[in-house]
Amino acid sequence: MTPRIWFVLQHRPGPAAKPGVRVTDQPGFAEHLAFLNRRAEDGTLVMAGPFDDVDGAVDEGMTVLATATLEDARRLAETDDEAVRSGLLAVTVRTWTVVMTPVTED
């Protein structure tokens, strides 16, 4: 199998997030959903979703993008997501080399 390169956006509460309030309940979170919808529309969204903590809180999440370069993924994550620009969310962008996926029968 030829490795596939995707880019992982790891989201967590940013400096503007109100402590003690779930990120998904804070003003401005809809901007993050709008960002994800734009990525779905342009075909760069592979998958996205929250990490569920043991206590049921949803404060961190992950988005996987299929863009041409790390710089493209970083630009989208840092400038197109208003929730990141406003500081509600912080993001780390990482390269993910996928070397194995389930075998499918054709």
C-alpha atoms as a PDB file:
ATOM      1  CA  MET A   1       0.000   0.000   0.000  1.00  0.00           C
ATOM      2  CA  THR A   2       1.225   3.469  -0.867  1.00  0.00           C
ATOM      3  CA  PRO A   3       1.196   5.736   2.207  1.00  0.00           C
ATOM      4  CA  ARG A   4      -1.401   8.497   2.202  1.00  0.00           C
ATOM      5  CA  ILE A   5      -0.652  11.852   3.803  1.00  0.00           C
ATOM      6  CA  TRP A   6      -3.424  13.558   5.736  1.00  0.00           C
ATOM      7  CA  PHE A   7      -3.267  16.431   8.189  1.00  0.00           C
ATOM      8  CA  VAL A   8      -4.644  16.229  11.715  1.00  0.00           C
ATOM      9  CA  LEU A   9      -5.999  19.321  13.459  1.00  0.00           C
ATOM     10  CA  GLN A  10      -6.088  18.788  17.214  1.00  0.00           C
ATOM     11  CA  HIS A  11      -8.474  21.299  18.802  1.00  0.00           C
ATOM     12  CA  ARG A  12      -8.653  22.254  22.479  1.00  0.00           C
ATOM     13  CA  PRO A  13     -10.039  25.220  24.405  1.00  0.00           C
ATOM     14  CA  GLY A  14      -8.158  28.409  23.604  1.00  0.00           C
ATOM     15  CA  PRO A  15      -7.307  31.429  25.729  1.00  0.00           C
ATOM     16  CA  ALA A  16     -10.706  33.066  25.093  1.00  0.00           C
ATOM     17  CA  ALA A  17     -12.689  30.009  26.253  1.00  0.00           C
ATOM     18  CA  LYS A  18     -14.613  30.550  29.475  1.00  0.00           C
ATOM     19  CA  PRO A  19     -13.409  28.142  32.179  1.00  0.00           C
ATOM     20  CA  GLY A  20     -16.011  25.693  33.423  1.00  0.00           C
ATOM     21  CA  VAL A  21     -18.186  26.044  30.307  1.00  0.00           C
ATOM     22  CA  ARG A  22     -18.088  23.357  27.640  1.00  0.00           C
ATOM     23  CA  VAL A  23     -16.506  24.680  24.465  1.00  0.00           C
ATOM     24  CA  THR A  24     -19.512  23.499  22.462  1.00  0.00           C
ATOM     25  CA  ASP A  25     -21.778  25.680  24.635  1.00  0.00           C
ATOM     26  CA  GLN A  26     -19.762  28.867  24.223  1.00  0.00           C
ATOM     27  CA  PRO A  27     -20.566  31.745  21.883  1.00  0.00           C
ATOM     28  CA  GLY A  28     -18.512  31.382  18.724  1.00  0.00           C
ATOM     29  CA  PHE A  29     -18.524  27.594  18.526  1.00  0.00           C
ATOM     30  CA  ALA A  30     -20.911  27.816  15.562  1.00  0.00           C
ATOM     31  CA  GLU A  31     -18.018  29.406  13.659  1.00  0.00           C
ATOM     32  CA  HIS A  32     -16.038  26.189  14.073  1.00  0.00           C
ATOM     33  CA  LEU A  33     -18.956  24.188  12.669  1.00  0.00           C
ATOM     34  CA  ALA A  34     -19.117  26.618   9.741  1.00  0.00           C
ATOM     35  CA  PHE A  35     -15.405  25.980   9.129  1.00  0.00           C
ATOM     36  CA  LEU A  36     -16.037  22.223   9.084  1.00  0.00           C
ATOM     37  CA  ASN A  37     -18.947  22.679   6.684  1.00  0.00           C
ATOM     38  CA  ARG A  38     -16.742  24.708   4.319  1.00  0.00           C
ATOM     39  CA  ARG A  39     -14.143  21.933   4.406  1.00  0.00           C
ATOM     40  CA  ALA A  40     -16.857  19.354   3.612  1.00  0.00           C
ATOM     41  CA  GLU A  41     -18.072  21.478   0.708  1.00  0.00           C
ATOM     42  CA  ASP A  42     -14.593  21.929  -0.793  1.00  0.00           C
ATOM     43  CA  GLY A  43     -13.762  18.226  -0.379  1.00  0.00           C
ATOM     44  CA  THR A  44     -10.851  18.622   2.056  1.00  0.00           C
ATOM     45  CA  LEU A  45     -12.671  17.234   5.122  1.00  0.00           C
ATOM     46  CA  VAL A  46     -11.928  13.562   5.753  1.00  0.00           C
ATOM     47  CA  MET A  47     -13.497  13.334   9.226  1.00  0.00           C
ATOM     48  CA  ALA A  48     -14.048  15.370  12.371  1.00  0.00           C
ATOM     49  CA  GLY A  49     -15.388  14.883  15.859  1.00  0.00           C
ATOM     50  CA  PRO A  50     -14.934  15.372  19.581  1.00  0.00           C
ATOM     51  CA  PHE A  51     -13.023  13.293  22.071  1.00  0.00           C
ATOM     52  CA  ASP A  52     -15.383  12.150  24.808  1.00  0.00           C
ATOM     53  CA  ASP A  53     -13.709  12.340  28.185  1.00  0.00           C
ATOM     54  CA  VAL A  54     -14.492   9.934  30.993  1.00  0.00           C
ATOM     55  CA  ASP A  55     -16.692  12.520  32.704  1.00  0.00           C
ATOM     56  CA  GLY A  56     -18.653  13.097  29.493  1.00  0.00           C
ATOM     57  CA  ALA A  57     -17.157  16.510  28.815  1.00  0.00           C
ATOM     58  CA  VAL A  58     -16.447  17.452  25.233  1.00  0.00           C
ATOM     59  CA  ASP A  59     -13.613  19.940  25.273  1.00  0.00           C
ATOM     60  CA  GLU A  60     -11.208  18.614  22.661  1.00  0.00           C
ATOM     61  CA  GLY A  61     -11.608  17.284  19.168  1.00  0.00           C
ATOM     62  CA  MET A  62      -9.845  16.239  16.016  1.00  0.00           C
ATOM     63  CA  THR A  63     -10.296  17.083  12.361  1.00  0.00           C
ATOM     64  CA  VAL A  64      -8.553  15.271   9.515  1.00  0.00           C
ATOM     65  CA  LEU A  65      -7.985  17.193   6.293  1.00  0.00           C
ATOM     66  CA  ALA A  66      -6.794  16.049   2.891  1.00  0.00           C
ATOM     67  CA  THR A  67      -4.939  19.065   1.523  1.00  0.00           C
ATOM     68  CA  ALA A  68      -1.985  19.296  -0.827  1.00  0.00           C
ATOM     69  CA  THR A  69       0.490  20.491   1.789  1.00  0.00           C
ATOM     70  CA  LEU A  70       0.994  21.007   5.502  1.00  0.00           C
ATOM     71  CA  GLU A  71       1.065  24.737   4.825  1.00  0.00           C
ATOM     72  CA  ASP A  72      -2.407  24.546   3.216  1.00  0.00           C
ATOM     73  CA  ALA A  73      -3.773  22.649   6.208  1.00  0.00           C
ATOM     74  CA  ARG A  74      -2.177  25.096   8.641  1.00  0.00           C
ATOM     75  CA  ARG A  75      -3.509  28.106   6.725  1.00  0.00           C
ATOM     76  CA  LEU A  76      -7.049  26.721   6.753  1.00  0.00           C
ATOM     77  CA  ALA A  77      -6.862  25.740  10.425  1.00  0.00           C
ATOM     78  CA  GLU A  78      -5.408  29.022  11.631  1.00  0.00           C
ATOM     79  CA  THR A  79      -7.043  31.603   9.359  1.00  0.00           C
ATOM     80  CA  ASP A  80     -10.306  30.136   8.023  1.00  0.00           C
ATOM     81  CA  ASP A  81     -11.643  28.914  11.373  1.00  0.00           C
ATOM     82  CA  GLU A  82     -12.987  31.994  13.170  1.00  0.00           C
ATOM     83  CA  ALA A  83     -13.194  30.009  16.418  1.00  0.00           C
ATOM     84  CA  VAL A  84      -9.405  29.602  16.261  1.00  0.00           C
ATOM     85  CA  ARG A  85      -8.781  33.198  15.164  1.00  0.00           C
ATOM     86  CA  SER A  86     -10.909  34.507  18.051  1.00  0.00           C
ATOM     87  CA  GLY A  87      -9.075  32.326  20.586  1.00  0.00           C
ATOM     88  CA  LEU A  88     -12.080  30.183  21.516  1.00  0.00           C
ATOM     89  CA  LEU A  89     -10.154  27.182  20.192  1.00  0.00           C
ATOM     90  CA  ALA A  90      -6.443  26.505  19.976  1.00  0.00           C
ATOM     91  CA  VAL A  91      -5.211  24.167  17.259  1.00  0.00           C
ATOM     92  CA  THR A  92      -2.152  22.042  16.600  1.00  0.00           C
ATOM     93  CA  VAL A  93      -1.670  20.868  13.012  1.00  0.00           C
ATOM     94  CA  ARG A  94       0.236  17.637  12.456  1.00  0.00           C
ATOM     95  CA  THR A  95       1.113  15.499   9.459  1.00  0.00           C
ATOM     96  CA  TRP A  96      -0.319  11.983   9.584  1.00  0.00           C
ATOM     97  CA  THR A  97       1.158   9.344   7.302  1.00  0.00           C
ATOM     98  CA  VAL A  98      -1.416   6.581   6.949  1.00  0.00           C
ATOM     99  CA  VAL A  99       0.387   3.357   6.124  1.00  0.00           C
ATOM    100  CA  MET A 100      -2.407   0.886   6.729  1.00  0.00           C
ATOM    101  CA  THR A 101      -6.146   0.831   6.192  1.00  0.00           C
ATOM    102  CA  PRO A 102      -8.555  -2.104   6.216  1.00  0.00           C
ATOM    103  CA  VAL A 103      -8.310  -4.386   3.219  1.00  0.00           C
ATOM    104  CA  THR A 104     -11.375  -4.116   1.023  1.00  0.00           C
ATOM    105  CA  GLU A 105     -12.528  -6.522  -1.621  1.00  0.00           C
ATOM    106  CA  ASP A 106     -13.189  -5.063  -5.062  1.00  0.00           C
END
